[in-house]
Amino acid sequence: MDYLSLLDITGFVVGLFYLYFEYRASIYLWIASIIMPLVDMFLYYEAGLYADFGMSVYYCLAAVYGWCAWKYSSKTPAHNGNGEAGIPEVKSEKPITHFPLRRVLPVSCVFAVVWALIYFILVEFTDSNVPVTDSFTTALSVIAMWALARKYVEQWLLWLVVDAVCTVLYVYKGIPFKALIYGIYTLVAVAGYLKWKKMAAKAAR
């Protein structure tokens, strides 16, 4: 087994754990979100996917932010046994909500700028032969990762697009296990969206 194949299989296994935790809206997805990009850094560099390599660095940093956002952003007043307030707040995991419409335009603008910037870097400073696709999935992943950290239901729709495009891209680049895990991500994104939508509705009641 060569080095690239070993990295590909390792990332596939960690990706399955990530997928399971994300589908269940478990905070432990962020642990997998640290391990998986560390493996992917080497994989993408060897495959010549330089934007994805840079994205893996971002994923590691974003995973720390995501853990904190899920763990500490939502606060509910705590009460003692007699139902009286007064003890420190209990910090609980952030609830699932919907993407605010007021953020659609600014987030779309950020996506366009990031896409253009990454495309320019790939064309001018690397030998990438897939600059448009690589920069597109990377830029959209930046937005999707942020939406996941904010625990928006619609983050699944963003990942659906990223995963579908990446599946084709990784087949083209000759990393089949990474293509397979993204193919699975594409299918689960649909189920995940429906599940999180129900969870958001339940939490709102």
Protein backbone atom coordinates (compact mmCIF):
# COMPACT_ATOMS: atom_id res chain seq x y z
CA MET A 1 0.00 0.00 0.00
CA ASP A 2 1.49 3.36 -0.98
CA TYR A 3 1.58 6.50 1.17
CA LEU A 4 -1.28 8.25 -0.63
CA SER A 5 -3.57 5.22 -0.31
CA LEU A 6 -2.82 4.92 3.42
CA LEU A 7 -3.73 8.56 3.99
CA ASP A 8 -6.84 8.12 1.87
CA ILE A 9 -8.07 5.13 3.91
CA THR A 10 -7.23 6.77 7.27
CA GLY A 11 -9.18 9.88 6.33
CA PHE A 12 -12.09 7.68 5.24
CA VAL A 13 -12.29 5.95 8.63
CA VAL A 14 -12.12 9.21 10.60
CA GLY A 15 -14.66 10.69 8.21
CA LEU A 16 -17.17 7.99 9.10
CA PHE A 17 -16.93 8.92 12.78
CA TYR A 18 -17.34 12.59 11.87
CA LEU A 19 -20.40 11.81 9.78
CA TYR A 20 -22.03 9.83 12.59
CA PHE A 21 -21.46 12.60 15.15
CA GLU A 22 -22.63 15.36 12.80
CA TYR A 23 -25.83 13.52 11.89
CA ARG A 24 -26.67 13.13 15.58
CA ALA A 25 -25.72 16.76 16.24
CA SER A 26 -23.13 15.54 18.75
CA ILE A 27 -20.50 17.97 19.96
CA TYR A 28 -17.90 15.23 19.52
CA LEU A 29 -17.93 15.88 15.78
CA TRP A 30 -15.45 18.64 16.54
CA ILE A 31 -12.90 16.12 17.85
CA ALA A 32 -13.07 14.31 14.51
CA SER A 33 -12.90 17.74 12.86
CA ILE A 34 -9.44 18.21 14.32
CA ILE A 35 -8.08 14.76 13.47
CA MET A 36 -9.47 14.47 9.94
CA PRO A 37 -7.95 17.66 8.49
CA LEU A 38 -4.58 16.81 10.00
CA VAL A 39 -4.61 13.65 7.88
CA ASP A 40 -6.06 15.50 4.90
CA MET A 41 -3.26 18.08 4.88
CA PHE A 42 -0.80 15.44 3.74
CA LEU A 43 -3.29 13.78 1.40
CA TYR A 44 -4.28 16.95 -0.43
CA TYR A 45 -0.70 18.16 -0.77
CA GLU A 46 0.36 14.87 -2.34
CA ALA A 47 -2.66 15.02 -4.68
CA GLY A 48 -1.94 18.61 -5.74
CA LEU A 49 -5.15 20.00 -4.19
CA TYR A 50 -3.52 23.07 -2.71
CA ALA A 51 -6.69 24.98 -1.86
CA ASP A 52 -8.01 21.94 0.00
CA PHE A 53 -4.65 21.73 1.79
CA GLY A 54 -5.08 25.29 3.03
CA MET A 55 -8.67 24.52 3.90
CA SER A 56 -7.52 21.72 6.19
CA VAL A 57 -5.57 24.25 8.25
CA TYR A 58 -8.72 26.36 8.50
CA TYR A 59 -10.74 23.29 9.53
CA CYS A 60 -8.43 22.61 12.47
CA LEU A 61 -8.78 26.16 13.74
CA ALA A 62 -12.51 26.27 13.04
CA ALA A 63 -13.00 23.03 14.98
CA VAL A 64 -11.80 24.74 18.15
CA TYR A 65 -14.19 27.63 17.51
CA GLY A 66 -17.02 25.20 16.73
CA TRP A 67 -16.53 23.30 19.98
CA CYS A 68 -16.65 26.53 21.99
CA ALA A 69 -19.63 27.86 20.02
CA TRP A 70 -21.66 24.69 20.60
CA LYS A 71 -20.63 24.28 24.21
CA TYR A 72 -20.83 27.79 25.56
CA SER A 73 -22.96 30.02 23.30
CA SER A 74 -26.31 28.96 24.77
CA LYS A 75 -26.97 29.86 28.39
CA THR A 76 -30.05 29.23 30.49
CA PRO A 77 -30.59 30.57 34.03
CA ALA A 78 -30.03 27.89 36.65
CA HIS A 79 -32.25 27.40 39.68
CA ASN A 80 -31.78 25.74 43.00
CA GLY A 81 -33.89 22.90 44.31
CA ASN A 82 -36.62 25.32 45.41
CA GLY A 83 -36.87 26.87 41.97
CA GLU A 84 -35.14 30.09 43.04
CA ALA A 85 -32.66 31.83 40.83
CA GLY A 86 -29.33 32.87 42.17
CA ILE A 87 -26.69 30.30 41.39
CA PRO A 88 -24.38 30.75 38.36
CA GLU A 89 -25.73 30.13 34.90
CA VAL A 90 -25.62 26.64 33.46
CA LYS A 91 -23.92 26.64 30.10
CA SER A 92 -25.47 24.17 27.68
CA GLU A 93 -24.94 23.24 24.06
CA LYS A 94 -26.12 25.71 21.45
CA PRO A 95 -29.60 24.89 20.05
CA ILE A 96 -30.22 24.12 16.37
CA THR A 97 -31.74 27.09 14.54
CA HIS A 98 -32.36 28.29 10.97
CA PHE A 99 -30.09 30.51 8.89
CA PRO A 100 -31.26 34.15 9.36
CA LEU A 101 -32.40 35.74 6.11
CA ARG A 102 -30.61 38.97 7.00
CA ARG A 103 -27.30 37.15 6.68
CA VAL A 104 -27.85 35.66 3.22
CA LEU A 105 -26.56 38.69 1.26
CA PRO A 106 -23.44 39.42 3.35
CA VAL A 107 -22.51 35.74 3.53
CA SER A 108 -22.99 35.41 -0.25
CA CYS A 109 -20.67 38.36 -0.78
CA VAL A 110 -18.04 36.83 1.49
CA PHE A 111 -18.30 33.57 -0.46
CA ALA A 112 -17.79 35.34 -3.80
CA VAL A 113 -14.75 37.25 -2.53
CA VAL A 114 -13.16 34.16 -0.98
CA TRP A 115 -13.78 32.11 -4.14
CA ALA A 116 -12.17 34.78 -6.34
CA LEU A 117 -9.22 35.18 -3.99
CA ILE A 118 -8.50 31.45 -3.75
CA TYR A 119 -8.86 31.06 -7.52
CA PHE A 120 -6.33 33.86 -8.08
CA ILE A 121 -3.85 32.26 -5.68
CA LEU A 122 -4.19 28.85 -7.32
CA VAL A 123 -3.73 30.22 -10.82
CA GLU A 124 -0.84 32.54 -10.00
CA PHE A 125 1.14 30.56 -7.43
CA THR A 126 0.43 26.84 -7.91
CA ASP A 127 0.37 24.22 -10.63
CA SER A 128 -3.26 23.23 -9.87
CA ASN A 129 -5.10 21.88 -12.91
CA VAL A 130 -8.53 22.28 -11.25
CA PRO A 131 -8.43 25.88 -9.94
CA VAL A 132 -12.11 26.70 -10.50
CA THR A 133 -13.50 23.60 -8.80
CA ASP A 134 -10.90 23.50 -6.05
CA SER A 135 -11.43 27.16 -5.16
CA PHE A 136 -15.23 26.81 -5.33
CA THR A 137 -15.45 23.89 -2.91
CA THR A 138 -12.93 25.50 -0.59
CA ALA A 139 -14.75 28.84 -0.47
CA LEU A 140 -18.14 27.20 0.06
CA SER A 141 -16.64 24.98 2.75
CA VAL A 142 -15.53 28.09 4.64
CA ILE A 143 -19.14 29.28 4.72
CA ALA A 144 -20.52 25.83 5.50
CA MET A 145 -18.09 25.35 8.40
CA TRP A 146 -19.13 28.67 9.87
CA ALA A 147 -22.81 27.73 9.48
CA LEU A 148 -22.13 24.41 11.19
CA ALA A 149 -20.44 26.19 14.09
CA ARG A 150 -23.54 28.40 14.40
CA LYS A 151 -25.64 25.20 14.29
CA TYR A 152 -27.87 26.34 11.41
CA VAL A 153 -30.07 23.69 9.79
CA GLU A 154 -29.17 24.96 6.32
CA GLN A 155 -25.50 24.11 6.79
CA TRP A 156 -26.49 20.68 5.46
CA LEU A 157 -27.58 22.21 2.15
CA LEU A 158 -24.22 23.94 1.77
CA TRP A 159 -22.39 20.70 2.51
CA LEU A 160 -24.63 18.87 0.05
CA VAL A 161 -23.26 21.03 -2.77
CA VAL A 162 -19.67 20.79 -1.52
CA ASP A 163 -19.85 17.03 -1.07
CA ALA A 164 -21.38 16.34 -4.48
CA VAL A 165 -18.77 18.42 -6.30
CA CYS A 166 -15.91 16.98 -4.23
CA THR A 167 -17.02 13.43 -4.98
CA VAL A 168 -16.46 14.03 -8.69
CA LEU A 169 -13.27 16.02 -8.09
CA TYR A 170 -11.64 13.32 -5.96
CA VAL A 171 -12.49 10.60 -8.47
CA TYR A 172 -10.76 12.73 -11.09
CA LYS A 173 -7.72 13.23 -8.83
CA GLY A 174 -7.37 9.50 -8.15
CA ILE A 175 -8.16 9.37 -4.41
CA PRO A 176 -11.06 6.89 -4.39
CA PHE A 177 -11.63 6.50 -0.65
CA LYS A 178 -11.91 10.24 -0.23
CA ALA A 179 -14.35 10.25 -3.16
CA LEU A 180 -16.32 7.45 -1.49
CA ILE A 181 -16.62 9.22 1.87
CA TYR A 182 -17.79 12.39 0.11
CA GLY A 183 -20.30 10.35 -1.85
CA ILE A 184 -21.64 9.06 1.45
CA TYR A 185 -21.62 12.62 2.82
CA THR A 186 -23.78 13.69 -0.12
CA LEU A 187 -26.45 11.12 0.70
CA VAL A 188 -26.34 11.73 4.44
CA ALA A 189 -26.56 15.51 3.91
CA VAL A 190 -30.13 15.02 2.70
CA ALA A 191 -31.06 12.89 5.71
CA GLY A 192 -29.16 15.22 8.03
CA TYR A 193 -31.03 18.25 6.76
CA LEU A 194 -34.40 16.58 7.39
CA LYS A 195 -33.33 15.39 10.85
CA TRP A 196 -31.96 18.77 11.94
CA LYS A 197 -35.07 20.49 10.58
CA LYS A 198 -37.23 18.36 12.86
CA MET A 199 -34.87 18.92 15.79
CA ALA A 200 -35.01 22.69 15.25
CA ALA A 201 -38.81 22.62 15.16
CA LYS A 202 -38.91 20.57 18.35
CA ALA A 203 -36.49 22.90 20.12
CA ALA A 204 -38.57 25.92 19.10
CA ARG A 205 -41.68 24.57 20.78
